[in-house]
Amino acid sequence: MASGALVRRARPQDAVAISRLNNSFANEGQMLLRTPEMISLAIDDYIVAEGPAGEILACGALKEYSPSVAEIAAIAVSRDAHGQGLGRAIVRRVEDLARMRGIYDVFALTLQPEFFSAIGYERVDRARYPEKIRRDCLACTRRFACNEICFARNLLIEDSATRAPVEQFSRTPGVAAGSIIRAHAA
């Protein structure tokens, strides 16, 4: 991760900087535009990475759709900080926020499939999340030309898999036929 960066919950005074970072990518069609007012209304759902000089280097948010389902949304990393692990750190902290709220089914719609695949998300059909389609996609200006790819992760399964490997052995004497359940490499 970027040296000197602090990953933390967003504060109301971060809304303008988050909007600026997000919209630098939105202006290129990589993300949806978010105004400082929109971000302020959801500030408790945002995580940021703050640089040594107090600048916002990365951000992300948890967007809840039901008591059990949420989107990992608005992941943006400053171009100057790309490749330093901040995106991964932001996603992990947003996942922690989901766990804290009792949400274990998380998904992301992205134009960066390699990133989400590399951190252990699996590609799924977006129809798996009708809550997202009803609330956001139907009103989106890009709905007929959307090329975002849906990735998902079940945090409850991941959490139980990372606690301890489990070995299973055959009951046949002298035969060890088993498997080890491994956590996702992320």
N, C-alpha and C. Protein backbone atom coordinates (compact mmCIF):
# COMPACT_ATOMS: atom_id res chain seq x y z
N MET A 1 0.85 -1.18 0.00
CA MET A 1 0.00 0.00 0.00
C MET A 1 0.89 1.24 0.00
N ALA A 2 0.38 2.32 -0.52
CA ALA A 2 1.13 3.58 -0.62
C ALA A 2 1.66 3.97 0.75
N SER A 3 2.95 4.28 0.79
CA SER A 3 3.54 4.65 2.08
C SER A 3 2.94 5.96 2.57
N GLY A 4 2.61 5.97 3.84
CA GLY A 4 2.06 7.17 4.45
C GLY A 4 0.57 7.36 4.25
N ALA A 5 -0.09 6.45 3.52
CA ALA A 5 -1.54 6.59 3.32
C ALA A 5 -2.30 6.02 4.51
N LEU A 6 -3.35 6.70 4.88
CA LEU A 6 -4.22 6.28 5.99
C LEU A 6 -5.59 5.95 5.40
N VAL A 7 -6.04 4.72 5.58
CA VAL A 7 -7.36 4.32 5.11
C VAL A 7 -8.31 4.48 6.29
N ARG A 8 -9.38 5.26 6.07
CA ARG A 8 -10.29 5.60 7.18
C ARG A 8 -11.69 5.84 6.65
N ARG A 9 -12.64 5.95 7.59
CA ARG A 9 -14.01 6.34 7.24
C ARG A 9 -13.98 7.78 6.75
N ALA A 10 -14.82 8.08 5.79
CA ALA A 10 -14.90 9.44 5.26
C ALA A 10 -15.59 10.36 6.26
N ARG A 11 -15.25 11.63 6.17
CA ARG A 11 -15.84 12.67 7.02
C ARG A 11 -16.58 13.66 6.12
N PRO A 12 -17.53 14.40 6.67
CA PRO A 12 -18.29 15.35 5.85
C PRO A 12 -17.40 16.30 5.05
N GLN A 13 -16.29 16.73 5.61
CA GLN A 13 -15.41 17.66 4.89
C GLN A 13 -14.67 17.00 3.72
N ASP A 14 -14.80 15.68 3.56
CA ASP A 14 -14.15 14.97 2.44
C ASP A 14 -15.03 14.95 1.18
N ALA A 15 -16.28 15.34 1.29
CA ALA A 15 -17.24 15.17 0.18
C ALA A 15 -16.78 15.83 -1.11
N VAL A 16 -16.26 17.03 -1.04
CA VAL A 16 -15.82 17.72 -2.26
C VAL A 16 -14.65 17.00 -2.90
N ALA A 17 -13.68 16.57 -2.11
CA ALA A 17 -12.51 15.86 -2.64
C ALA A 17 -12.90 14.51 -3.22
N ILE A 18 -13.82 13.80 -2.56
CA ILE A 18 -14.30 12.52 -3.08
C ILE A 18 -14.99 12.74 -4.43
N SER A 19 -15.83 13.75 -4.50
CA SER A 19 -16.53 14.07 -5.74
C SER A 19 -15.54 14.39 -6.86
N ARG A 20 -14.55 15.18 -6.54
CA ARG A 20 -13.53 15.56 -7.53
C ARG A 20 -12.80 14.32 -8.06
N LEU A 21 -12.39 13.44 -7.15
CA LEU A 21 -11.69 12.21 -7.56
C LEU A 21 -12.62 11.33 -8.40
N ASN A 22 -13.80 11.07 -7.92
CA ASN A 22 -14.78 10.25 -8.63
C ASN A 22 -15.05 10.83 -10.03
N ASN A 23 -15.30 12.11 -10.09
CA ASN A 23 -15.71 12.73 -11.35
C ASN A 23 -14.57 12.87 -12.35
N SER A 24 -13.33 12.79 -11.89
CA SER A 24 -12.22 12.78 -12.85
C SER A 24 -12.32 11.54 -13.73
N PHE A 25 -12.85 10.45 -13.19
CA PHE A 25 -13.07 9.23 -13.98
C PHE A 25 -14.43 9.24 -14.66
N ALA A 26 -15.42 9.86 -14.03
CA ALA A 26 -16.76 9.95 -14.62
C ALA A 26 -16.71 10.77 -15.92
N ASN A 27 -15.88 11.79 -15.94
CA ASN A 27 -15.76 12.62 -17.15
C ASN A 27 -15.21 11.83 -18.34
N GLU A 28 -14.60 10.68 -18.07
CA GLU A 28 -14.09 9.80 -19.12
C GLU A 28 -15.02 8.61 -19.38
N GLY A 29 -16.18 8.60 -18.72
CA GLY A 29 -17.14 7.52 -18.90
C GLY A 29 -16.81 6.27 -18.11
N GLN A 30 -15.88 6.35 -17.16
CA GLN A 30 -15.48 5.20 -16.38
C GLN A 30 -16.34 4.99 -15.13
N MET A 31 -16.99 6.05 -14.66
CA MET A 31 -17.82 6.00 -13.46
C MET A 31 -19.02 6.89 -13.68
N LEU A 32 -19.96 6.83 -12.76
CA LEU A 32 -21.09 7.75 -12.80
C LEU A 32 -20.76 9.01 -12.02
N LEU A 33 -21.26 10.15 -12.48
CA LEU A 33 -21.03 11.41 -11.79
C LEU A 33 -21.67 11.38 -10.40
N ARG A 34 -20.97 11.95 -9.44
CA ARG A 34 -21.49 12.09 -8.08
C ARG A 34 -21.17 13.49 -7.60
N THR A 35 -22.20 14.22 -7.20
CA THR A 35 -22.00 15.59 -6.71
C THR A 35 -21.56 15.54 -5.24
N PRO A 36 -20.93 16.61 -4.76
CA PRO A 36 -20.60 16.66 -3.33
C PRO A 36 -21.84 16.48 -2.45
N GLU A 37 -22.98 16.97 -2.91
CA GLU A 37 -24.21 16.83 -2.14
C GLU A 37 -24.65 15.36 -2.05
N MET A 38 -24.54 14.64 -3.16
CA MET A 38 -24.88 13.22 -3.16
C MET A 38 -23.97 12.46 -2.20
N ILE A 39 -22.70 12.78 -2.24
CA ILE A 39 -21.73 12.12 -1.37
C ILE A 39 -21.97 12.49 0.09
N SER A 40 -22.27 13.75 0.34
CA SER A 40 -22.55 14.18 1.71
C SER A 40 -23.72 13.41 2.32
N LEU A 41 -24.74 13.16 1.52
CA LEU A 41 -25.92 12.42 2.02
C LEU A 41 -25.59 10.97 2.38
N ALA A 42 -24.52 10.43 1.79
CA ALA A 42 -24.13 9.04 2.04
C ALA A 42 -22.74 8.94 2.66
N ILE A 43 -22.27 10.00 3.30
CA ILE A 43 -20.87 10.05 3.77
C ILE A 43 -20.53 8.90 4.72
N ASP A 44 -21.49 8.41 5.49
CA ASP A 44 -21.22 7.30 6.41
C ASP A 44 -20.95 5.99 5.68
N ASP A 45 -21.22 5.96 4.39
CA ASP A 45 -21.00 4.75 3.59
C ASP A 45 -19.65 4.78 2.86
N TYR A 46 -18.90 5.86 2.98
CA TYR A 46 -17.65 6.03 2.24
C TYR A 46 -16.42 5.73 3.09
N ILE A 47 -15.41 5.18 2.41
CA ILE A 47 -14.08 4.95 2.96
C ILE A 47 -13.12 5.72 2.07
N VAL A 48 -12.09 6.32 2.64
CA VAL A 48 -11.10 7.05 1.86
C VAL A 48 -9.69 6.62 2.26
N ALA A 49 -8.76 6.84 1.35
CA ALA A 49 -7.33 6.73 1.64
C ALA A 49 -6.79 8.15 1.57
N GLU A 50 -6.23 8.58 2.68
CA GLU A 50 -5.72 9.95 2.79
C GLU A 50 -4.20 9.92 2.73
N GLY A 51 -3.64 10.78 1.88
CA GLY A 51 -2.19 10.87 1.75
C GLY A 51 -1.57 11.66 2.88
N PRO A 52 -0.23 11.69 2.94
CA PRO A 52 0.47 12.36 4.02
C PRO A 52 0.15 13.86 4.14
N ALA A 53 -0.22 14.47 3.03
CA ALA A 53 -0.54 15.90 3.06
C ALA A 53 -2.03 16.15 3.25
N GLY A 54 -2.79 15.09 3.55
CA GLY A 54 -4.23 15.24 3.77
C GLY A 54 -5.06 15.10 2.50
N GLU A 55 -4.44 14.83 1.36
CA GLU A 55 -5.17 14.69 0.11
C GLU A 55 -5.86 13.33 0.03
N ILE A 56 -7.01 13.28 -0.63
CA ILE A 56 -7.74 12.03 -0.81
C ILE A 56 -7.16 11.33 -2.04
N LEU A 57 -6.56 10.16 -1.80
CA LEU A 57 -5.92 9.40 -2.87
C LEU A 57 -6.83 8.33 -3.46
N ALA A 58 -7.79 7.85 -2.67
CA ALA A 58 -8.69 6.79 -3.13
C ALA A 58 -9.98 6.84 -2.31
N CYS A 59 -11.02 6.27 -2.88
CA CYS A 59 -12.30 6.22 -2.17
C CYS A 59 -13.12 5.03 -2.63
N GLY A 60 -14.13 4.72 -1.86
CA GLY A 60 -15.07 3.67 -2.20
C GLY A 60 -16.24 3.76 -1.24
N ALA A 61 -17.35 3.12 -1.60
CA ALA A 61 -18.55 3.22 -0.77
C ALA A 61 -19.29 1.89 -0.74
N LEU A 62 -20.09 1.74 0.29
CA LEU A 62 -20.99 0.60 0.43
C LEU A 62 -22.39 1.11 0.15
N LYS A 63 -23.05 0.53 -0.84
CA LYS A 63 -24.39 0.96 -1.21
C LYS A 63 -25.35 -0.19 -0.91
N GLU A 64 -26.15 -0.03 0.13
CA GLU A 64 -27.03 -1.10 0.59
C GLU A 64 -28.31 -1.16 -0.25
N TYR A 65 -28.72 -2.41 -0.56
CA TYR A 65 -29.95 -2.63 -1.31
C TYR A 65 -30.99 -3.38 -0.50
N SER A 66 -30.54 -4.16 0.46
CA SER A 66 -31.44 -4.89 1.35
C SER A 66 -30.64 -5.21 2.61
N PRO A 67 -31.26 -5.78 3.61
CA PRO A 67 -30.50 -6.10 4.82
C PRO A 67 -29.37 -7.11 4.60
N SER A 68 -29.37 -7.78 3.46
CA SER A 68 -28.34 -8.79 3.22
C SER A 68 -27.49 -8.56 1.97
N VAL A 69 -27.81 -7.55 1.18
CA VAL A 69 -27.12 -7.32 -0.09
C VAL A 69 -26.66 -5.87 -0.20
N ALA A 70 -25.39 -5.70 -0.64
CA ALA A 70 -24.87 -4.35 -0.86
C ALA A 70 -23.86 -4.36 -2.00
N GLU A 71 -23.71 -3.19 -2.59
CA GLU A 71 -22.76 -3.00 -3.68
C GLU A 71 -21.48 -2.35 -3.16
N ILE A 72 -20.36 -2.84 -3.63
CA ILE A 72 -19.08 -2.18 -3.42
C ILE A 72 -19.01 -1.17 -4.57
N ALA A 73 -19.19 0.12 -4.26
CA ALA A 73 -19.40 1.12 -5.30
C ALA A 73 -18.38 2.25 -5.23
N ALA A 74 -18.32 3.01 -6.30
CA ALA A 74 -17.54 4.25 -6.37
C ALA A 74 -16.07 4.06 -6.00
N ILE A 75 -15.48 2.95 -6.43
CA ILE A 75 -14.05 2.71 -6.16
C ILE A 75 -13.24 3.54 -7.14
N ALA A 76 -12.46 4.45 -6.61
CA ALA A 76 -11.61 5.32 -7.44
C ALA A 76 -10.27 5.50 -6.76
N VAL A 77 -9.21 5.44 -7.54
CA VAL A 77 -7.85 5.66 -7.04
C VAL A 77 -7.20 6.72 -7.92
N SER A 78 -6.65 7.73 -7.28
CA SER A 78 -5.96 8.80 -8.00
C SER A 78 -4.93 8.21 -8.95
N ARG A 79 -4.83 8.77 -10.13
CA ARG A 79 -3.86 8.27 -11.11
C ARG A 79 -2.44 8.27 -10.55
N ASP A 80 -2.13 9.23 -9.71
CA ASP A 80 -0.80 9.30 -9.11
C ASP A 80 -0.54 8.17 -8.12
N ALA A 81 -1.61 7.49 -7.67
CA ALA A 81 -1.46 6.44 -6.67
C ALA A 81 -1.79 5.05 -7.21
N HIS A 82 -2.00 4.93 -8.53
CA HIS A 82 -2.29 3.62 -9.12
C HIS A 82 -1.14 2.65 -8.86
N GLY A 83 -1.49 1.39 -8.65
CA GLY A 83 -0.49 0.35 -8.49
C GLY A 83 0.13 0.28 -7.10
N GLN A 84 -0.41 0.99 -6.15
CA GLN A 84 0.17 1.01 -4.80
C GLN A 84 -0.67 0.25 -3.78
N GLY A 85 -1.70 -0.46 -4.23
CA GLY A 85 -2.52 -1.27 -3.32
C GLY A 85 -3.66 -0.53 -2.66
N LEU A 86 -3.89 0.72 -3.03
CA LEU A 86 -4.96 1.48 -2.39
C LEU A 86 -6.34 0.99 -2.77
N GLY A 87 -6.54 0.59 -4.01
CA GLY A 87 -7.84 0.07 -4.42
C GLY A 87 -8.20 -1.17 -3.62
N ARG A 88 -7.26 -2.07 -3.49
CA ARG A 88 -7.47 -3.29 -2.71
C ARG A 88 -7.78 -2.94 -1.24
N ALA A 89 -7.03 -1.99 -0.68
CA ALA A 89 -7.24 -1.59 0.72
C ALA A 89 -8.62 -0.97 0.91
N ILE A 90 -9.04 -0.15 -0.04
CA ILE A 90 -10.37 0.47 0.05
C ILE A 90 -11.46 -0.61 -0.01
N VAL A 91 -11.36 -1.52 -0.95
CA VAL A 91 -12.37 -2.58 -1.06
C VAL A 91 -12.43 -3.39 0.23
N ARG A 92 -11.29 -3.73 0.79
CA ARG A 92 -11.28 -4.51 2.04
C ARG A 92 -11.96 -3.75 3.18
N ARG A 93 -11.73 -2.45 3.27
CA ARG A 93 -12.37 -1.66 4.33
C ARG A 93 -13.86 -1.50 4.08
N VAL A 94 -14.27 -1.40 2.82
CA VAL A 94 -15.71 -1.35 2.51
C VAL A 94 -16.34 -2.69 2.86
N GLU A 95 -15.64 -3.79 2.59
CA GLU A 95 -16.14 -5.11 2.99
C GLU A 95 -16.27 -5.20 4.51
N ASP A 96 -15.30 -4.63 5.24
CA ASP A 96 -15.39 -4.60 6.71
C ASP A 96 -16.62 -3.84 7.17
N LEU A 97 -16.93 -2.74 6.49
CA LEU A 97 -18.12 -1.97 6.80
C LEU A 97 -19.38 -2.82 6.57
N ALA A 98 -19.38 -3.59 5.49
CA ALA A 98 -20.51 -4.49 5.21
C ALA A 98 -20.65 -5.52 6.33
N ARG A 99 -19.55 -6.13 6.72
CA ARG A 99 -19.59 -7.12 7.81
C ARG A 99 -20.13 -6.50 9.10
N MET A 100 -19.66 -5.30 9.40
CA MET A 100 -20.09 -4.60 10.61
C MET A 100 -21.61 -4.39 10.59
N ARG A 101 -22.18 -4.20 9.41
CA ARG A 101 -23.61 -3.98 9.26
C ARG A 101 -24.39 -5.28 9.07
N GLY A 102 -23.68 -6.41 9.10
CA GLY A 102 -24.34 -7.70 8.97
C GLY A 102 -24.66 -8.07 7.54
N ILE A 103 -23.97 -7.48 6.58
CA ILE A 103 -24.20 -7.76 5.16
C ILE A 103 -23.06 -8.63 4.65
N TYR A 104 -23.41 -9.76 4.05
CA TYR A 104 -22.38 -10.68 3.60
C TYR A 104 -22.40 -10.96 2.10
N ASP A 105 -23.43 -10.54 1.40
CA ASP A 105 -23.51 -10.72 -0.05
C ASP A 105 -23.20 -9.38 -0.69
N VAL A 106 -22.00 -9.25 -1.24
CA VAL A 106 -21.59 -7.99 -1.86
C VAL A 106 -21.28 -8.21 -3.33
N PHE A 107 -21.51 -7.17 -4.11
CA PHE A 107 -21.24 -7.24 -5.54
C PHE A 107 -20.70 -5.90 -6.01
N ALA A 108 -20.13 -5.91 -7.20
CA ALA A 108 -19.63 -4.69 -7.81
C ALA A 108 -19.91 -4.74 -9.31
N LEU A 109 -20.32 -3.62 -9.86
CA LEU A 109 -20.43 -3.48 -11.31
C LEU A 109 -19.22 -2.66 -11.73
N THR A 110 -18.47 -3.15 -12.69
CA THR A 110 -17.18 -2.54 -12.98
C THR A 110 -16.82 -2.58 -14.46
N LEU A 111 -15.98 -1.65 -14.83
CA LEU A 111 -15.34 -1.66 -16.15
C LEU A 111 -13.90 -2.15 -16.02
N GLN A 112 -13.52 -2.54 -14.80
CA GLN A 112 -12.18 -3.04 -14.50
C GLN A 112 -12.27 -4.48 -13.98
N PRO A 113 -12.68 -5.42 -14.81
CA PRO A 113 -12.90 -6.79 -14.33
C PRO A 113 -11.64 -7.46 -13.78
N GLU A 114 -10.49 -7.13 -14.33
CA GLU A 114 -9.24 -7.74 -13.87
C GLU A 114 -8.99 -7.44 -12.40
N PHE A 115 -9.31 -6.22 -11.97
CA PHE A 115 -9.09 -5.82 -10.59
C PHE A 115 -9.93 -6.69 -9.65
N PHE A 116 -11.23 -6.78 -9.90
CA PHE A 116 -12.10 -7.52 -9.00
C PHE A 116 -11.80 -9.02 -9.05
N SER A 117 -11.46 -9.53 -10.20
CA SER A 117 -11.08 -10.93 -10.29
C SER A 117 -9.81 -11.20 -9.47
N ALA A 118 -8.86 -10.29 -9.53
CA ALA A 118 -7.59 -10.46 -8.81
C ALA A 118 -7.75 -10.43 -7.30
N ILE A 119 -8.82 -9.79 -6.80
CA ILE A 119 -9.00 -9.73 -5.35
C ILE A 119 -10.06 -10.72 -4.86
N GLY A 120 -10.35 -11.73 -5.69
CA GLY A 120 -11.18 -12.83 -5.22
C GLY A 120 -12.66 -12.76 -5.51
N TYR A 121 -13.09 -11.82 -6.32
CA TYR A 121 -14.50 -11.75 -6.69
C TYR A 121 -14.73 -12.67 -7.89
N GLU A 122 -15.95 -13.19 -7.99
CA GLU A 122 -16.32 -14.06 -9.10
C GLU A 122 -17.31 -13.36 -10.01
N ARG A 123 -17.15 -13.55 -11.29
CA ARG A 123 -18.07 -12.95 -12.25
C ARG A 123 -19.43 -13.63 -12.15
N VAL A 124 -20.48 -12.82 -12.09
CA VAL A 124 -21.85 -13.34 -12.01
C VAL A 124 -22.74 -12.52 -12.94
N ASP A 125 -23.93 -13.03 -13.18
CA ASP A 125 -24.91 -12.33 -13.99
C ASP A 125 -25.53 -11.21 -13.15
N ARG A 126 -25.60 -10.02 -13.69
CA ARG A 126 -26.17 -8.89 -12.94
C ARG A 126 -27.64 -9.11 -12.60
N ALA A 127 -28.32 -9.99 -13.29
CA ALA A 127 -29.72 -10.30 -12.98
C ALA A 127 -29.86 -10.92 -11.59
N ARG A 128 -28.77 -11.37 -11.04
CA ARG A 128 -28.75 -11.92 -9.67
C ARG A 128 -29.11 -10.83 -8.65
N TYR A 129 -29.00 -9.57 -9.06
CA TYR A 129 -29.25 -8.44 -8.15
C TYR A 129 -30.37 -7.55 -8.69
N PRO A 130 -31.61 -8.04 -8.66
CA PRO A 130 -32.72 -7.25 -9.19
C PRO A 130 -32.92 -5.94 -8.43
N GLU A 131 -32.48 -5.90 -7.15
CA GLU A 131 -32.59 -4.66 -6.37
C GLU A 131 -31.80 -3.54 -7.04
N LYS A 132 -30.62 -3.86 -7.53
CA LYS A 132 -29.77 -2.88 -8.21
C LYS A 132 -30.45 -2.42 -9.50
N ILE A 133 -30.95 -3.36 -10.26
CA ILE A 133 -31.57 -3.03 -11.54
C ILE A 133 -32.77 -2.12 -11.32
N ARG A 134 -33.64 -2.48 -10.35
CA ARG A 134 -34.83 -1.67 -10.09
C ARG A 134 -34.49 -0.27 -9.61
N ARG A 135 -33.53 -0.17 -8.69
CA ARG A 135 -33.26 1.13 -8.07
C ARG A 135 -32.38 2.04 -8.93
N ASP A 136 -31.39 1.48 -9.59
CA ASP A 136 -30.41 2.32 -10.28
C ASP A 136 -30.40 2.18 -11.80
N CYS A 137 -30.42 0.96 -12.28
CA CYS A 137 -30.20 0.74 -13.71
C CYS A 137 -31.34 1.27 -14.58
N LEU A 138 -32.57 1.14 -14.12
CA LEU A 138 -33.70 1.58 -14.94
C LEU A 138 -33.68 3.08 -15.20
N ALA A 139 -33.12 3.86 -14.27
CA ALA A 139 -33.06 5.31 -14.43
C ALA A 139 -31.73 5.80 -15.00
N CYS A 140 -30.79 4.89 -15.20
CA CYS A 140 -29.45 5.27 -15.65
C CYS A 140 -29.45 5.64 -17.14
N THR A 141 -28.73 6.68 -17.48
CA THR A 141 -28.64 7.13 -18.87
C THR A 141 -27.91 6.10 -19.75
N ARG A 142 -27.12 5.23 -19.14
CA ARG A 142 -26.36 4.23 -19.89
C ARG A 142 -27.04 2.86 -19.93
N ARG A 143 -28.28 2.76 -19.46
CA ARG A 143 -28.89 1.44 -19.28
C ARG A 143 -28.96 0.62 -20.56
N PHE A 144 -29.10 1.24 -21.72
CA PHE A 144 -29.20 0.49 -22.96
C PHE A 144 -27.83 0.23 -23.59
N ALA A 145 -26.81 0.86 -23.06
CA ALA A 145 -25.46 0.68 -23.60
C ALA A 145 -24.47 0.39 -22.48
N CYS A 146 -24.94 -0.21 -21.41
CA CYS A 146 -24.08 -0.49 -20.26
C CYS A 146 -23.15 -1.65 -20.57
N ASN A 147 -21.88 -1.44 -20.30
CA ASN A 147 -20.92 -2.52 -20.52
C ASN A 147 -20.20 -2.91 -19.22
N GLU A 148 -20.81 -2.56 -18.09
CA GLU A 148 -20.23 -2.95 -16.81
C GLU A 148 -20.43 -4.44 -16.58
N ILE A 149 -19.47 -5.03 -15.91
CA ILE A 149 -19.48 -6.46 -15.62
C ILE A 149 -19.72 -6.62 -14.12
N CYS A 150 -20.55 -7.59 -13.77
CA CYS A 150 -20.91 -7.81 -12.37
C CYS A 150 -19.99 -8.88 -11.75
N PHE A 151 -19.45 -8.54 -10.59
CA PHE A 151 -18.64 -9.46 -9.80
C PHE A 151 -19.22 -9.52 -8.40
N ALA A 152 -19.10 -10.68 -7.74
CA ALA A 152 -19.69 -10.83 -6.41
C ALA A 152 -18.78 -11.65 -5.51
N ARG A 153 -19.06 -11.50 -4.23
CA ARG A 153 -18.34 -12.26 -3.20
C ARG A 153 -19.27 -12.43 -2.02
N ASN A 154 -19.27 -13.63 -1.43
CA ASN A 154 -20.03 -13.86 -0.21
C ASN A 154 -19.04 -13.78 0.94
N LEU A 155 -19.13 -12.75 1.74
CA LEU A 155 -18.17 -12.51 2.82
C LEU A 155 -18.31 -13.53 3.94
N LEU A 156 -19.49 -14.09 4.14
CA LEU A 156 -19.69 -15.08 5.19
C LEU A 156 -18.94 -16.36 4.85
N ILE A 157 -19.03 -16.79 3.62
CA ILE A 157 -18.31 -17.99 3.18
C ILE A 157 -16.81 -17.73 3.25
N GLU A 158 -16.39 -16.56 2.78
CA GLU A 158 -14.97 -16.21 2.82
C GLU A 158 -14.45 -16.18 4.25
N ASP A 159 -15.23 -15.57 5.16
CA ASP A 159 -14.80 -15.47 6.56
C ASP A 159 -14.62 -16.84 7.18
N SER A 160 -15.55 -17.76 6.92
CA SER A 160 -15.44 -19.09 7.52
C SER A 160 -14.30 -19.87 6.89
N ALA A 161 -14.02 -19.63 5.61
CA ALA A 161 -12.93 -20.34 4.94
C ALA A 161 -11.57 -19.85 5.40
N THR A 162 -11.46 -18.59 5.81
CA THR A 162 -10.16 -18.06 6.21
C THR A 162 -9.82 -18.32 7.67
N ARG A 163 -10.79 -18.77 8.46
CA ARG A 163 -10.52 -19.02 9.88
C ARG A 163 -9.50 -20.14 10.05
N ALA A 164 -9.74 -21.27 9.42
CA ALA A 164 -8.81 -22.39 9.53
C ALA A 164 -9.07 -23.36 8.40
N PRO A 165 -8.01 -23.88 7.79
CA PRO A 165 -8.21 -24.91 6.77
C PRO A 165 -8.84 -26.14 7.40
N VAL A 166 -9.67 -26.82 6.63
CA VAL A 166 -10.33 -28.02 7.11
C VAL A 166 -9.88 -29.17 6.23
N GLU A 167 -9.38 -30.22 6.85
CA GLU A 167 -8.99 -31.41 6.10
C GLU A 167 -10.04 -32.48 6.30
N GLN A 168 -10.37 -33.17 5.23
CA GLN A 168 -11.32 -34.27 5.30
C GLN A 168 -10.60 -35.52 4.82
N PHE A 169 -10.72 -36.61 5.57
CA PHE A 169 -10.04 -37.84 5.19
C PHE A 169 -11.04 -38.97 5.05
N SER A 170 -10.70 -39.91 4.22
CA SER A 170 -11.52 -41.09 4.03
C SER A 170 -11.46 -41.97 5.27
N ARG A 171 -12.52 -42.70 5.55
CA ARG A 171 -12.54 -43.61 6.69
C ARG A 171 -11.92 -44.97 6.33
N THR A 172 -11.54 -45.15 5.09
CA THR A 172 -10.91 -46.40 4.69
C THR A 172 -9.50 -46.45 5.25
N PRO A 173 -9.17 -47.48 6.04
CA PRO A 173 -7.83 -47.54 6.64
C PRO A 173 -6.73 -47.51 5.58
N GLY A 174 -5.75 -46.69 5.83
CA GLY A 174 -4.59 -46.61 4.95
C GLY A 174 -4.79 -45.73 3.73
N VAL A 175 -5.98 -45.19 3.55
CA VAL A 175 -6.24 -44.34 2.38
C VAL A 175 -6.58 -42.93 2.87
N ALA A 176 -5.82 -41.98 2.44
CA ALA A 176 -6.09 -40.58 2.81
C ALA A 176 -6.56 -39.84 1.57
N ALA A 177 -7.84 -39.76 1.41
CA ALA A 177 -8.43 -39.04 0.28
C ALA A 177 -9.11 -37.81 0.85
N GLY A 178 -8.53 -36.69 0.66
CA GLY A 178 -9.12 -35.49 1.28
C GLY A 178 -8.82 -34.25 0.49
N SER A 179 -9.29 -33.17 1.04
CA SER A 179 -9.05 -31.89 0.39
C SER A 179 -8.90 -30.85 1.47
N ILE A 180 -8.25 -29.81 1.12
CA ILE A 180 -8.10 -28.67 2.03
C ILE A 180 -8.87 -27.51 1.45
N ILE A 181 -9.72 -26.92 2.27
CA ILE A 181 -10.46 -25.74 1.83
C ILE A 181 -9.57 -24.54 2.04
N ARG A 182 -9.27 -23.85 1.00
CA ARG A 182 -8.37 -22.70 1.08
C ARG A 182 -9.14 -21.41 0.89
N ALA A 183 -8.62 -20.39 1.52
CA ALA A 183 -9.21 -19.05 1.35
C ALA A 183 -8.79 -18.52 -0.01
N HIS A 184 -9.56 -17.58 -0.52
CA HIS A 184 -9.17 -16.91 -1.78
C HIS A 184 -7.85 -16.21 -1.57
N ALA A 185 -6.99 -16.31 -2.54
CA ALA A 185 -5.74 -15.55 -2.49
C ALA A 185 -6.07 -14.13 -2.89
N ALA A 186 -5.95 -13.23 -1.98
CA ALA A 186 -6.29 -11.84 -2.30
C ALA A 186 -5.27 -10.90 -1.74
